[in-house]
Amino acid sequence: MDTIANPHDTVLFRESFGQREIAPDFLRHQLPAPLLAVIDLETLEIAKDSYVAQDLRASFC
């Protein structure tokens, strides 16, 4: 069995945000109003890739 380095990342973000029906609702309830005013949650697209900035890679692994 593989060891999960960060179970919160895998369970919450990867699973929840990987579902088009869940992500907009979560963001709608978690993001501040000024940010919601400038983004269109209806145009979200699921992307399987991930990006981690060079200076954060040590904490990503």
PDB file of N, CA and C in Angstrom:
ATOM      1  N   MET A   1       0.852  -1.189   0.000  1.00  0.00           N
ATOM      2  CA  MET A   1       0.000   0.000   0.000  1.00  0.00           C
ATOM      3  C   MET A   1       0.891   1.244   0.000  1.00  0.00           C
ATOM      4  N   ASP A   2       0.542   2.228  -0.830  1.00  0.00           N
ATOM      5  CA  ASP A   2       1.303   3.476  -0.903  1.00  0.00           C
ATOM      6  C   ASP A   2       1.005   4.353   0.307  1.00  0.00           C
ATOM      7  N   THR A   3       2.014   5.075   0.740  1.00  0.00           N
ATOM      8  CA  THR A   3       1.848   6.015   1.836  1.00  0.00           C
ATOM      9  C   THR A   3       1.451   7.370   1.267  1.00  0.00           C
ATOM     10  N   ILE A   4       0.451   7.985   1.842  1.00  0.00           N
ATOM     11  CA  ILE A   4       0.007   9.307   1.405  1.00  0.00           C
ATOM     12  C   ILE A   4       0.790  10.349   2.197  1.00  0.00           C
ATOM     13  N   ALA A   5       1.545  11.184   1.491  1.00  0.00           N
ATOM     14  CA  ALA A   5       2.379  12.196   2.150  1.00  0.00           C
ATOM     15  C   ALA A   5       1.536  13.239   2.867  1.00  0.00           C
ATOM     16  N   ASN A   6       0.421  13.625   2.277  1.00  0.00           N
ATOM     17  CA  ASN A   6      -0.437  14.637   2.870  1.00  0.00           C
ATOM     18  C   ASN A   6      -1.886  14.241   2.630  1.00  0.00           C
ATOM     19  N   PRO A   7      -2.504  13.531   3.563  1.00  0.00           N
ATOM     20  CA  PRO A   7      -3.871  13.040   3.332  1.00  0.00           C
ATOM     21  C   PRO A   7      -4.900  14.139   3.124  1.00  0.00           C
ATOM     22  N   HIS A   8      -4.679  15.319   3.728  1.00  0.00           N
ATOM     23  CA  HIS A   8      -5.643  16.402   3.543  1.00  0.00           C
ATOM     24  C   HIS A   8      -5.653  16.872   2.098  1.00  0.00           C
ATOM     25  N   ASP A   9      -4.499  16.958   1.483  1.00  0.00           N
ATOM     26  CA  ASP A   9      -4.410  17.346   0.076  1.00  0.00           C
ATOM     27  C   ASP A   9      -5.137  16.338  -0.782  1.00  0.00           C
ATOM     28  N   THR A  10      -4.858  15.088  -0.599  1.00  0.00           N
ATOM     29  CA  THR A  10      -5.450  14.042  -1.423  1.00  0.00           C
ATOM     30  C   THR A  10      -6.954  13.968  -1.251  1.00  0.00           C
ATOM     31  N   VAL A  11      -7.399  13.899  -0.029  1.00  0.00           N
ATOM     32  CA  VAL A  11      -8.822  13.702   0.230  1.00  0.00           C
ATOM     33  C   VAL A  11      -9.642  14.941  -0.080  1.00  0.00           C
ATOM     34  N   LEU A  12      -9.276  16.058   0.477  1.00  0.00           N
ATOM     35  CA  LEU A  12     -10.109  17.252   0.305  1.00  0.00           C
ATOM     36  C   LEU A  12      -9.946  17.905  -1.056  1.00  0.00           C
ATOM     37  N   PHE A  13      -8.750  18.349  -1.358  1.00  0.00           N
ATOM     38  CA  PHE A  13      -8.578  19.147  -2.556  1.00  0.00           C
ATOM     39  C   PHE A  13      -8.608  18.341  -3.845  1.00  0.00           C
ATOM     40  N   ARG A  14      -7.868  17.289  -3.909  1.00  0.00           N
ATOM     41  CA  ARG A  14      -7.825  16.533  -5.162  1.00  0.00           C
ATOM     42  C   ARG A  14      -9.144  15.849  -5.473  1.00  0.00           C
ATOM     43  N   GLU A  15      -9.778  15.289  -4.477  1.00  0.00           N
ATOM     44  CA  GLU A  15     -11.051  14.612  -4.713  1.00  0.00           C
ATOM     45  C   GLU A  15     -12.195  15.607  -4.915  1.00  0.00           C
ATOM     46  N   SER A  16     -12.287  16.595  -4.036  1.00  0.00           N
ATOM     47  CA  SER A  16     -13.390  17.551  -4.137  1.00  0.00           C
ATOM     48  C   SER A  16     -13.265  18.453  -5.344  1.00  0.00           C
ATOM     49  N   PHE A  17     -12.079  19.034  -5.551  1.00  0.00           N
ATOM     50  CA  PHE A  17     -11.907  19.940  -6.676  1.00  0.00           C
ATOM     51  C   PHE A  17     -11.826  19.203  -7.999  1.00  0.00           C
ATOM     52  N   GLY A  18     -11.736  17.911  -7.958  1.00  0.00           N
ATOM     53  CA  GLY A  18     -11.762  17.121  -9.184  1.00  0.00           C
ATOM     54  C   GLY A  18     -13.173  16.871  -9.677  1.00  0.00           C
ATOM     55  N   GLN A  19     -14.158  17.349  -8.940  1.00  0.00           N
ATOM     56  CA  GLN A  19     -15.556  17.172  -9.324  1.00  0.00           C
ATOM     57  C   GLN A  19     -16.161  18.531  -9.657  1.00  0.00           C
ATOM     58  N   ARG A  20     -16.538  18.694 -10.873  1.00  0.00           N
ATOM     59  CA  ARG A  20     -17.038  19.980 -11.383  1.00  0.00           C
ATOM     60  C   ARG A  20     -18.252  20.488 -10.604  1.00  0.00           C
ATOM     61  N   GLU A  21     -19.032  19.593 -10.025  1.00  0.00           N
ATOM     62  CA  GLU A  21     -20.231  20.005  -9.296  1.00  0.00           C
ATOM     63  C   GLU A  21     -19.903  20.550  -7.912  1.00  0.00           C
ATOM     64  N   ILE A  22     -18.793  20.128  -7.338  1.00  0.00           N
ATOM     65  CA  ILE A  22     -18.463  20.482  -5.965  1.00  0.00           C
ATOM     66  C   ILE A  22     -17.610  21.744  -5.867  1.00  0.00           C
ATOM     67  N   ALA A  23     -16.640  21.884  -6.741  1.00  0.00           N
ATOM     68  CA  ALA A  23     -15.670  22.975  -6.646  1.00  0.00           C
ATOM     69  C   ALA A  23     -16.314  24.371  -6.594  1.00  0.00           C
ATOM     70  N   PRO A  24     -17.227  24.722  -7.500  1.00  0.00           N
ATOM     71  CA  PRO A  24     -17.804  26.077  -7.439  1.00  0.00           C
ATOM     72  C   PRO A  24     -18.556  26.344  -6.135  1.00  0.00           C
ATOM     73  N   ASP A  25     -19.270  25.358  -5.650  1.00  0.00           N
ATOM     74  CA  ASP A  25     -20.024  25.540  -4.408  1.00  0.00           C
ATOM     75  C   ASP A  25     -19.088  25.762  -3.227  1.00  0.00           C
ATOM     76  N   PHE A  26     -18.016  24.975  -3.157  1.00  0.00           N
ATOM     77  CA  PHE A  26     -17.039  25.150  -2.085  1.00  0.00           C
ATOM     78  C   PHE A  26     -16.426  26.547  -2.147  1.00  0.00           C
ATOM     79  N   LEU A  27     -15.988  26.948  -3.329  1.00  0.00           N
ATOM     80  CA  LEU A  27     -15.356  28.256  -3.479  1.00  0.00           C
ATOM     81  C   LEU A  27     -16.321  29.388  -3.153  1.00  0.00           C
ATOM     82  N   ARG A  28     -17.564  29.238  -3.540  1.00  0.00           N
ATOM     83  CA  ARG A  28     -18.584  30.247  -3.268  1.00  0.00           C
ATOM     84  C   ARG A  28     -18.734  30.493  -1.765  1.00  0.00           C
ATOM     85  N   HIS A  29     -18.561  29.456  -0.977  1.00  0.00           N
ATOM     86  CA  HIS A  29     -18.719  29.576   0.469  1.00  0.00           C
ATOM     87  C   HIS A  29     -17.424  29.908   1.200  1.00  0.00           C
ATOM     88  N   GLN A  30     -16.289  29.778   0.543  1.00  0.00           N
ATOM     89  CA  GLN A  30     -15.018  29.978   1.221  1.00  0.00           C
ATOM     90  C   GLN A  30     -14.274  31.250   0.813  1.00  0.00           C
ATOM     91  N   LEU A  31     -14.483  31.708  -0.393  1.00  0.00           N
ATOM     92  CA  LEU A  31     -13.737  32.876  -0.864  1.00  0.00           C
ATOM     93  C   LEU A  31     -14.385  34.175  -0.401  1.00  0.00           C
ATOM     94  N   PRO A  32     -13.586  35.206  -0.192  1.00  0.00           N
ATOM     95  CA  PRO A  32     -14.149  36.503   0.211  1.00  0.00           C
ATOM     96  C   PRO A  32     -14.930  37.144  -0.944  1.00  0.00           C
ATOM     97  N   ALA A  33     -15.921  37.917  -0.599  1.00  0.00           N
ATOM     98  CA  ALA A  33     -16.796  38.562  -1.584  1.00  0.00           C
ATOM     99  C   ALA A  33     -16.042  39.358  -2.647  1.00  0.00           C
ATOM    100  N   PRO A  34     -15.001  40.137  -2.288  1.00  0.00           N
ATOM    101  CA  PRO A  34     -14.294  40.894  -3.329  1.00  0.00           C
ATOM    102  C   PRO A  34     -13.673  39.987  -4.407  1.00  0.00           C
ATOM    103  N   LEU A  35     -13.206  38.830  -4.011  1.00  0.00           N
ATOM    104  CA  LEU A  35     -12.639  37.903  -4.990  1.00  0.00           C
ATOM    105  C   LEU A  35     -13.737  37.261  -5.828  1.00  0.00           C
ATOM    106  N   LEU A  36     -14.821  36.877  -5.199  1.00  0.00           N
ATOM    107  CA  LEU A  36     -15.948  36.297  -5.937  1.00  0.00           C
ATOM    108  C   LEU A  36     -16.524  37.273  -6.960  1.00  0.00           C
ATOM    109  N   ALA A  37     -16.401  38.560  -6.684  1.00  0.00           N
ATOM    110  CA  ALA A  37     -16.932  39.576  -7.597  1.00  0.00           C
ATOM    111  C   ALA A  37     -16.157  39.643  -8.902  1.00  0.00           C
ATOM    112  N   VAL A  38     -14.926  39.151  -8.912  1.00  0.00           N
ATOM    113  CA  VAL A  38     -14.104  39.278 -10.123  1.00  0.00           C
ATOM    114  C   VAL A  38     -13.802  37.944 -10.810  1.00  0.00           C
ATOM    115  N   ILE A  39     -14.343  36.852 -10.288  1.00  0.00           N
ATOM    116  CA  ILE A  39     -14.138  35.563 -10.958  1.00  0.00           C
ATOM    117  C   ILE A  39     -15.481  34.963 -11.355  1.00  0.00           C
ATOM    118  N   ASP A  40     -15.453  34.145 -12.376  1.00  0.00           N
ATOM    119  CA  ASP A  40     -16.662  33.485 -12.859  1.00  0.00           C
ATOM    120  C   ASP A  40     -16.558  31.997 -12.547  1.00  0.00           C
ATOM    121  N   LEU A  41     -17.215  31.571 -11.497  1.00  0.00           N
ATOM    122  CA  LEU A  41     -17.143  30.177 -11.075  1.00  0.00           C
ATOM    123  C   LEU A  41     -17.793  29.224 -12.077  1.00  0.00           C
ATOM    124  N   GLU A  42     -18.626  29.744 -12.934  1.00  0.00           N
ATOM    125  CA  GLU A  42     -19.293  28.886 -13.918  1.00  0.00           C
ATOM    126  C   GLU A  42     -18.355  28.465 -15.051  1.00  0.00           C
ATOM    127  N   THR A  43     -17.214  29.104 -15.157  1.00  0.00           N
ATOM    128  CA  THR A  43     -16.279  28.751 -16.229  1.00  0.00           C
ATOM    129  C   THR A  43     -15.106  27.909 -15.732  1.00  0.00           C
ATOM    130  N   LEU A  44     -15.196  27.410 -14.508  1.00  0.00           N
ATOM    131  CA  LEU A  44     -14.120  26.572 -13.981  1.00  0.00           C
ATOM    132  C   LEU A  44     -13.941  25.333 -14.848  1.00  0.00           C
ATOM    133  N   GLU A  45     -12.702  24.945 -15.027  1.00  0.00           N
ATOM    134  CA  GLU A  45     -12.386  23.725 -15.757  1.00  0.00           C
ATOM    135  C   GLU A  45     -11.504  22.852 -14.875  1.00  0.00           C
ATOM    136  N   ILE A  46     -11.739  21.562 -14.906  1.00  0.00           N
ATOM    137  CA  ILE A  46     -10.929  20.623 -14.136  1.00  0.00           C
ATOM    138  C   ILE A  46      -9.635  20.374 -14.895  1.00  0.00           C
ATOM    139  N   ALA A  47      -8.527  20.553 -14.204  1.00  0.00           N
ATOM    140  CA  ALA A  47      -7.205  20.302 -14.790  1.00  0.00           C
ATOM    141  C   ALA A  47      -6.495  19.273 -13.919  1.00  0.00           C
ATOM    142  N   LYS A  48      -5.992  18.232 -14.519  1.00  0.00           N
ATOM    143  CA  LYS A  48      -5.345  17.169 -13.755  1.00  0.00           C
ATOM    144  C   LYS A  48      -3.894  17.495 -13.425  1.00  0.00           C
ATOM    145  N   ASP A  49      -3.343  18.506 -14.017  1.00  0.00           N
ATOM    146  CA  ASP A  49      -1.962  18.889 -13.755  1.00  0.00           C
ATOM    147  C   ASP A  49      -1.868  19.676 -12.458  1.00  0.00           C
ATOM    148  N   SER A  50      -0.676  19.745 -11.912  1.00  0.00           N
ATOM    149  CA  SER A  50      -0.452  20.589 -10.749  1.00  0.00           C
ATOM    150  C   SER A  50       0.809  21.402 -10.978  1.00  0.00           C
ATOM    151  N   TYR A  51       0.866  22.527 -10.315  1.00  0.00           N
ATOM    152  CA  TYR A  51       2.035  23.390 -10.415  1.00  0.00           C
ATOM    153  C   TYR A  51       2.412  23.827  -9.010  1.00  0.00           C
ATOM    154  N   VAL A  52       3.677  23.700  -8.701  1.00  0.00           N
ATOM    155  CA  VAL A  52       4.188  24.157  -7.418  1.00  0.00           C
ATOM    156  C   VAL A  52       5.397  25.030  -7.696  1.00  0.00           C
ATOM    157  N   ALA A  53       5.365  26.249  -7.179  1.00  0.00           N
ATOM    158  CA  ALA A  53       6.487  27.171  -7.380  1.00  0.00           C
ATOM    159  C   ALA A  53       7.763  26.567  -6.808  1.00  0.00           C
ATOM    160  N   GLN A  54       8.877  26.910  -7.417  1.00  0.00           N
ATOM    161  CA  GLN A  54      10.175  26.361  -7.010  1.00  0.00           C
ATOM    162  C   GLN A  54      10.431  26.532  -5.510  1.00  0.00           C
ATOM    163  N   ASP A  55      10.116  27.707  -4.960  1.00  0.00           N
ATOM    164  CA  ASP A  55      10.392  27.948  -3.534  1.00  0.00           C
ATOM    165  C   ASP A  55       9.464  27.206  -2.586  1.00  0.00           C
ATOM    166  N   LEU A  56       8.405  26.608  -3.111  1.00  0.00           N
ATOM    167  CA  LEU A  56       7.479  25.853  -2.253  1.00  0.00           C
ATOM    168  C   LEU A  56       7.593  24.342  -2.440  1.00  0.00           C
ATOM    169  N   ARG A  57       8.411  23.884  -3.341  1.00  0.00           N
ATOM    170  CA  ARG A  57       8.482  22.455  -3.625  1.00  0.00           C
ATOM    171  C   ARG A  57       8.887  21.611  -2.425  1.00  0.00           C
ATOM    172  N   ALA A  58       9.745  22.123  -1.582  1.00  0.00           N
ATOM    173  CA  ALA A  58      10.153  21.349  -0.409  1.00  0.00           C
ATOM    174  C   ALA A  58       8.979  21.048   0.504  1.00  0.00           C
ATOM    175  N   SER A  59       8.027  21.981   0.627  1.00  0.00           N
ATOM    176  CA  SER A  59       6.882  21.753   1.490  1.00  0.00           C
ATOM    177  C   SER A  59       5.773  20.977   0.775  1.00  0.00           C
ATOM    178  N   PHE A  60       5.866  20.824  -0.536  1.00  0.00           N
ATOM    179  CA  PHE A  60       4.869  20.098  -1.314  1.00  0.00           C
ATOM    180  C   PHE A  60       5.055  18.593  -1.201  1.00  0.00           C
ATOM    181  N   CYS A  61       6.288  18.145  -1.117  1.00  0.00           N
ATOM    182  CA  CYS A  61       6.595  16.708  -1.091  1.00  0.00           C
ATOM    183  C   CYS A  61       6.249  16.039   0.199  1.00  0.00           C
TER     184      CYS A  61
END
